[in-house]
Amino acid sequence: MNGELAEAETCLAELATARKVIAELAPTDDGGELDPPEPTAAYQAIMNAFNQHPDQAFRVRELHELLGMPTDDPVMNVTRSRLGRLTRQGFLTQPGRGRYQKRT
């Protein structure tokens, strides 16, 4: 019985370590679970807006207005985080503070 308990605890420790590694390799906006499929559509909508206006720099509020998204702070903070992630991944640049533009 003690052997089974020790084995289960070892397995749980390994799972916790694996979860940390996965979280570091695929971070989420809130540091929690991996993004569900729905946010993929949001990323695609954001990139479509930048593809349609490649020379224009957007502020988050302007982007939300263009996409018909709500302009309340919590929703804009999520988009701000997504834009930061797209910038780190090299899809966008920041020509000025709070402004995002498609990388050319």
N, C-alpha and C. Protein backbone atom coordinates (compact mmCIF):
# COMPACT_ATOMS: atom_id res chain seq x y z
N MET A 1 0.82 -1.19 0.00
CA MET A 1 0.00 0.00 0.00
C MET A 1 0.87 1.25 0.00
N ASN A 2 1.92 1.30 0.86
CA ASN A 2 2.80 2.46 0.90
C ASN A 2 3.52 2.64 -0.43
N GLY A 3 3.86 1.53 -1.08
CA GLY A 3 4.53 1.60 -2.38
C GLY A 3 3.63 2.22 -3.43
N GLU A 4 2.36 1.87 -3.41
CA GLU A 4 1.41 2.43 -4.36
C GLU A 4 1.20 3.92 -4.11
N LEU A 5 1.15 4.31 -2.85
CA LEU A 5 0.99 5.72 -2.50
C LEU A 5 2.21 6.53 -2.96
N ALA A 6 3.39 5.99 -2.72
CA ALA A 6 4.62 6.68 -3.14
C ALA A 6 4.66 6.79 -4.66
N GLU A 7 4.24 5.75 -5.35
CA GLU A 7 4.23 5.77 -6.82
C GLU A 7 3.23 6.81 -7.34
N ALA A 8 2.07 6.88 -6.69
CA ALA A 8 1.06 7.87 -7.09
C ALA A 8 1.57 9.29 -6.85
N GLU A 9 2.25 9.52 -5.73
CA GLU A 9 2.79 10.85 -5.44
C GLU A 9 3.88 11.22 -6.43
N THR A 10 4.70 10.26 -6.82
CA THR A 10 5.74 10.50 -7.83
C THR A 10 5.11 10.86 -9.15
N CYS A 11 4.05 10.14 -9.51
CA CYS A 11 3.34 10.41 -10.77
C CYS A 11 2.74 11.81 -10.75
N LEU A 12 2.13 12.20 -9.63
CA LEU A 12 1.56 13.54 -9.52
C LEU A 12 2.62 14.63 -9.63
N ALA A 13 3.78 14.40 -9.02
CA ALA A 13 4.88 15.36 -9.11
C ALA A 13 5.35 15.50 -10.55
N GLU A 14 5.42 14.38 -11.27
CA GLU A 14 5.84 14.42 -12.67
C GLU A 14 4.81 15.16 -13.52
N LEU A 15 3.54 14.95 -13.24
CA LEU A 15 2.48 15.66 -13.97
C LEU A 15 2.56 17.17 -13.72
N ALA A 16 2.82 17.54 -12.47
CA ALA A 16 2.94 18.96 -12.14
C ALA A 16 4.12 19.59 -12.89
N THR A 17 5.22 18.87 -12.97
CA THR A 17 6.39 19.36 -13.69
C THR A 17 6.07 19.50 -15.18
N ALA A 18 5.40 18.48 -15.73
CA ALA A 18 5.04 18.53 -17.15
C ALA A 18 4.13 19.72 -17.43
N ARG A 19 3.19 19.97 -16.53
CA ARG A 19 2.27 21.10 -16.69
C ARG A 19 3.03 22.43 -16.71
N LYS A 20 4.03 22.57 -15.84
CA LYS A 20 4.83 23.79 -15.80
C LYS A 20 5.59 23.98 -17.10
N VAL A 21 6.17 22.89 -17.61
CA VAL A 21 6.93 22.96 -18.87
C VAL A 21 6.01 23.37 -20.01
N ILE A 22 4.83 22.77 -20.08
CA ILE A 22 3.88 23.11 -21.14
C ILE A 22 3.44 24.55 -21.02
N ALA A 23 3.20 25.01 -19.81
CA ALA A 23 2.78 26.41 -19.60
C ALA A 23 3.88 27.37 -20.06
N GLU A 24 5.14 27.01 -19.88
CA GLU A 24 6.23 27.87 -20.32
C GLU A 24 6.37 27.86 -21.84
N LEU A 25 6.11 26.71 -22.46
CA LEU A 25 6.23 26.61 -23.91
C LEU A 25 5.05 27.23 -24.63
N ALA A 26 3.89 27.17 -24.03
CA ALA A 26 2.67 27.71 -24.64
C ALA A 26 1.94 28.56 -23.61
N PRO A 27 2.51 29.72 -23.24
CA PRO A 27 1.87 30.53 -22.20
C PRO A 27 0.53 31.07 -22.66
N THR A 28 -0.34 31.30 -21.70
CA THR A 28 -1.64 31.90 -21.98
C THR A 28 -1.63 33.32 -21.44
N ASP A 29 -2.65 34.06 -21.80
CA ASP A 29 -2.74 35.46 -21.36
C ASP A 29 -2.82 35.58 -19.85
N ASP A 30 -3.48 34.61 -19.22
CA ASP A 30 -3.68 34.70 -17.78
C ASP A 30 -2.80 33.74 -16.99
N GLY A 31 -1.91 32.99 -17.66
CA GLY A 31 -1.03 32.06 -16.98
C GLY A 31 -1.73 30.78 -16.57
N GLY A 32 -2.96 30.58 -17.00
CA GLY A 32 -3.73 29.40 -16.61
C GLY A 32 -3.73 28.33 -17.68
N GLU A 33 -4.90 27.77 -17.90
CA GLU A 33 -5.06 26.69 -18.87
C GLU A 33 -4.71 27.19 -20.27
N LEU A 34 -4.42 26.25 -21.15
CA LEU A 34 -4.18 26.60 -22.54
C LEU A 34 -5.44 27.22 -23.13
N ASP A 35 -5.24 28.13 -24.10
CA ASP A 35 -6.38 28.80 -24.70
C ASP A 35 -7.32 27.80 -25.35
N PRO A 36 -8.60 27.92 -25.11
CA PRO A 36 -9.57 27.07 -25.81
C PRO A 36 -9.64 27.49 -27.27
N PRO A 37 -10.29 26.72 -28.13
CA PRO A 37 -10.31 27.04 -29.56
C PRO A 37 -10.90 28.42 -29.88
N GLU A 38 -11.84 28.93 -29.12
CA GLU A 38 -12.49 30.20 -29.41
C GLU A 38 -11.52 31.35 -29.58
N PRO A 39 -10.50 31.51 -28.73
CA PRO A 39 -9.58 32.63 -28.92
C PRO A 39 -8.84 32.59 -30.26
N THR A 40 -8.73 31.42 -30.87
CA THR A 40 -8.08 31.34 -32.18
C THR A 40 -8.82 32.22 -33.17
N ALA A 41 -10.14 32.24 -33.09
CA ALA A 41 -10.94 33.09 -33.97
C ALA A 41 -10.64 34.56 -33.70
N ALA A 42 -10.42 34.91 -32.44
CA ALA A 42 -10.09 36.29 -32.11
C ALA A 42 -8.74 36.68 -32.71
N TYR A 43 -7.75 35.79 -32.59
CA TYR A 43 -6.44 36.06 -33.19
C TYR A 43 -6.58 36.23 -34.70
N GLN A 44 -7.39 35.38 -35.33
CA GLN A 44 -7.57 35.45 -36.77
C GLN A 44 -8.25 36.76 -37.17
N ALA A 45 -9.24 37.19 -36.40
CA ALA A 45 -9.92 38.46 -36.69
C ALA A 45 -8.95 39.63 -36.56
N ILE A 46 -8.10 39.58 -35.55
CA ILE A 46 -7.10 40.64 -35.36
C ILE A 46 -6.14 40.67 -36.55
N MET A 47 -5.63 39.52 -36.93
CA MET A 47 -4.68 39.48 -38.05
C MET A 47 -5.35 39.87 -39.36
N ASN A 48 -6.62 39.51 -39.54
CA ASN A 48 -7.34 39.92 -40.76
C ASN A 48 -7.43 41.44 -40.84
N ALA A 49 -7.69 42.09 -39.70
CA ALA A 49 -7.76 43.55 -39.68
C ALA A 49 -6.42 44.16 -40.08
N PHE A 50 -5.34 43.61 -39.56
CA PHE A 50 -4.01 44.14 -39.91
C PHE A 50 -3.66 43.83 -41.36
N ASN A 51 -4.10 42.68 -41.88
CA ASN A 51 -3.84 42.34 -43.28
C ASN A 51 -4.61 43.26 -44.22
N GLN A 52 -5.82 43.69 -43.82
CA GLN A 52 -6.61 44.60 -44.65
C GLN A 52 -6.07 46.03 -44.62
N HIS A 53 -5.35 46.37 -43.55
CA HIS A 53 -4.79 47.72 -43.40
C HIS A 53 -3.31 47.60 -43.02
N PRO A 54 -2.47 47.08 -43.93
CA PRO A 54 -1.08 46.78 -43.56
C PRO A 54 -0.22 47.98 -43.20
N ASP A 55 -0.58 49.17 -43.69
CA ASP A 55 0.24 50.35 -43.42
C ASP A 55 -0.27 51.18 -42.25
N GLN A 56 -1.37 50.76 -41.64
CA GLN A 56 -1.98 51.54 -40.57
C GLN A 56 -1.61 50.97 -39.20
N ALA A 57 -1.26 51.86 -38.29
CA ALA A 57 -1.02 51.48 -36.90
C ALA A 57 -2.31 51.69 -36.12
N PHE A 58 -2.66 50.72 -35.30
CA PHE A 58 -3.90 50.78 -34.53
C PHE A 58 -3.62 50.84 -33.04
N ARG A 59 -4.46 51.57 -32.33
CA ARG A 59 -4.54 51.45 -30.88
C ARG A 59 -5.60 50.39 -30.61
N VAL A 60 -5.59 49.83 -29.41
CA VAL A 60 -6.51 48.75 -29.09
C VAL A 60 -7.96 49.20 -29.28
N ARG A 61 -8.30 50.39 -28.81
CA ARG A 61 -9.68 50.88 -28.94
C ARG A 61 -10.08 51.00 -30.41
N GLU A 62 -9.18 51.51 -31.25
CA GLU A 62 -9.47 51.65 -32.68
C GLU A 62 -9.69 50.28 -33.32
N LEU A 63 -8.89 49.32 -32.93
CA LEU A 63 -9.03 47.96 -33.45
C LEU A 63 -10.37 47.36 -33.03
N HIS A 64 -10.76 47.58 -31.77
CA HIS A 64 -12.04 47.07 -31.29
C HIS A 64 -13.20 47.71 -32.05
N GLU A 65 -13.11 49.01 -32.30
CA GLU A 65 -14.17 49.69 -33.04
C GLU A 65 -14.25 49.16 -34.47
N LEU A 66 -13.11 48.93 -35.10
CA LEU A 66 -13.07 48.40 -36.46
C LEU A 66 -13.70 47.00 -36.52
N LEU A 67 -13.42 46.18 -35.51
CA LEU A 67 -13.91 44.80 -35.48
C LEU A 67 -15.31 44.68 -34.87
N GLY A 68 -15.85 45.78 -34.37
CA GLY A 68 -17.16 45.73 -33.75
C GLY A 68 -17.16 45.02 -32.41
N MET A 69 -16.03 45.08 -31.72
CA MET A 69 -15.89 44.43 -30.42
C MET A 69 -16.19 45.43 -29.31
N PRO A 70 -16.58 44.95 -28.12
CA PRO A 70 -16.84 45.87 -27.00
C PRO A 70 -15.58 46.65 -26.63
N THR A 71 -15.77 47.86 -26.12
CA THR A 71 -14.63 48.69 -25.77
C THR A 71 -14.49 48.88 -24.27
N ASP A 72 -15.00 47.92 -23.49
CA ASP A 72 -14.80 48.01 -22.03
C ASP A 72 -13.40 47.50 -21.68
N ASP A 73 -12.87 47.99 -20.58
CA ASP A 73 -11.48 47.72 -20.22
C ASP A 73 -11.11 46.24 -20.12
N PRO A 74 -11.90 45.38 -19.49
CA PRO A 74 -11.47 43.97 -19.40
C PRO A 74 -11.28 43.31 -20.76
N VAL A 75 -12.19 43.59 -21.68
CA VAL A 75 -12.09 43.00 -23.01
C VAL A 75 -10.88 43.58 -23.76
N MET A 76 -10.66 44.87 -23.62
CA MET A 76 -9.52 45.49 -24.30
C MET A 76 -8.20 45.01 -23.71
N ASN A 77 -8.17 44.71 -22.42
CA ASN A 77 -6.95 44.17 -21.81
C ASN A 77 -6.60 42.81 -22.39
N VAL A 78 -7.60 41.99 -22.67
CA VAL A 78 -7.35 40.69 -23.30
C VAL A 78 -6.76 40.90 -24.69
N THR A 79 -7.34 41.83 -25.45
CA THR A 79 -6.82 42.11 -26.79
C THR A 79 -5.41 42.68 -26.70
N ARG A 80 -5.17 43.54 -25.73
CA ARG A 80 -3.82 44.10 -25.55
C ARG A 80 -2.81 42.99 -25.31
N SER A 81 -3.20 42.01 -24.53
CA SER A 81 -2.34 40.87 -24.27
C SER A 81 -2.11 40.06 -25.54
N ARG A 82 -3.17 39.87 -26.31
CA ARG A 82 -3.03 39.13 -27.58
C ARG A 82 -2.11 39.88 -28.55
N LEU A 83 -2.25 41.20 -28.61
CA LEU A 83 -1.38 41.99 -29.48
C LEU A 83 0.07 41.89 -29.04
N GLY A 84 0.30 41.88 -27.73
CA GLY A 84 1.66 41.71 -27.22
C GLY A 84 2.23 40.36 -27.63
N ARG A 85 1.40 39.34 -27.56
CA ARG A 85 1.86 38.00 -27.96
C ARG A 85 2.18 37.96 -29.46
N LEU A 86 1.32 38.56 -30.28
CA LEU A 86 1.57 38.61 -31.73
C LEU A 86 2.83 39.42 -32.04
N THR A 87 3.10 40.44 -31.24
CA THR A 87 4.32 41.23 -31.41
C THR A 87 5.55 40.39 -31.07
N ARG A 88 5.49 39.67 -29.95
CA ARG A 88 6.62 38.81 -29.55
C ARG A 88 6.87 37.71 -30.56
N GLN A 89 5.80 37.24 -31.21
CA GLN A 89 5.95 36.19 -32.21
C GLN A 89 6.40 36.72 -33.56
N GLY A 90 6.47 38.04 -33.70
CA GLY A 90 7.01 38.64 -34.93
C GLY A 90 5.97 38.98 -35.99
N PHE A 91 4.68 38.84 -35.71
CA PHE A 91 3.66 39.17 -36.70
C PHE A 91 3.38 40.67 -36.75
N LEU A 92 3.53 41.34 -35.60
CA LEU A 92 3.26 42.77 -35.51
C LEU A 92 4.48 43.51 -34.98
N THR A 93 4.47 44.82 -35.18
CA THR A 93 5.49 45.68 -34.58
C THR A 93 4.78 46.75 -33.76
N GLN A 94 5.54 47.47 -32.94
CA GLN A 94 5.00 48.58 -32.16
C GLN A 94 5.72 49.85 -32.58
N PRO A 95 5.14 50.60 -33.54
CA PRO A 95 5.80 51.83 -33.97
C PRO A 95 5.74 52.96 -32.95
N GLY A 96 4.95 52.79 -31.92
CA GLY A 96 4.83 53.77 -30.85
C GLY A 96 4.15 53.11 -29.67
N ARG A 97 4.22 53.77 -28.53
CA ARG A 97 3.62 53.20 -27.33
C ARG A 97 2.11 53.02 -27.50
N GLY A 98 1.64 51.81 -27.32
CA GLY A 98 0.21 51.52 -27.44
C GLY A 98 -0.30 51.41 -28.85
N ARG A 99 0.60 51.41 -29.81
CA ARG A 99 0.21 51.31 -31.22
C ARG A 99 0.80 50.03 -31.79
N TYR A 100 0.03 49.37 -32.65
CA TYR A 100 0.46 48.10 -33.24
C TYR A 100 0.24 48.18 -34.74
N GLN A 101 1.18 47.56 -35.47
CA GLN A 101 1.12 47.59 -36.92
C GLN A 101 1.64 46.27 -37.45
N LYS A 102 1.17 45.90 -38.64
CA LYS A 102 1.64 44.66 -39.26
C LYS A 102 3.11 44.81 -39.64
N ARG A 103 3.87 43.77 -39.33
CA ARG A 103 5.29 43.78 -39.70
C ARG A 103 5.39 43.62 -41.22
N THR A 104 6.22 44.45 -41.83
CA THR A 104 6.39 44.37 -43.29
C THR A 104 7.68 43.73 -43.66
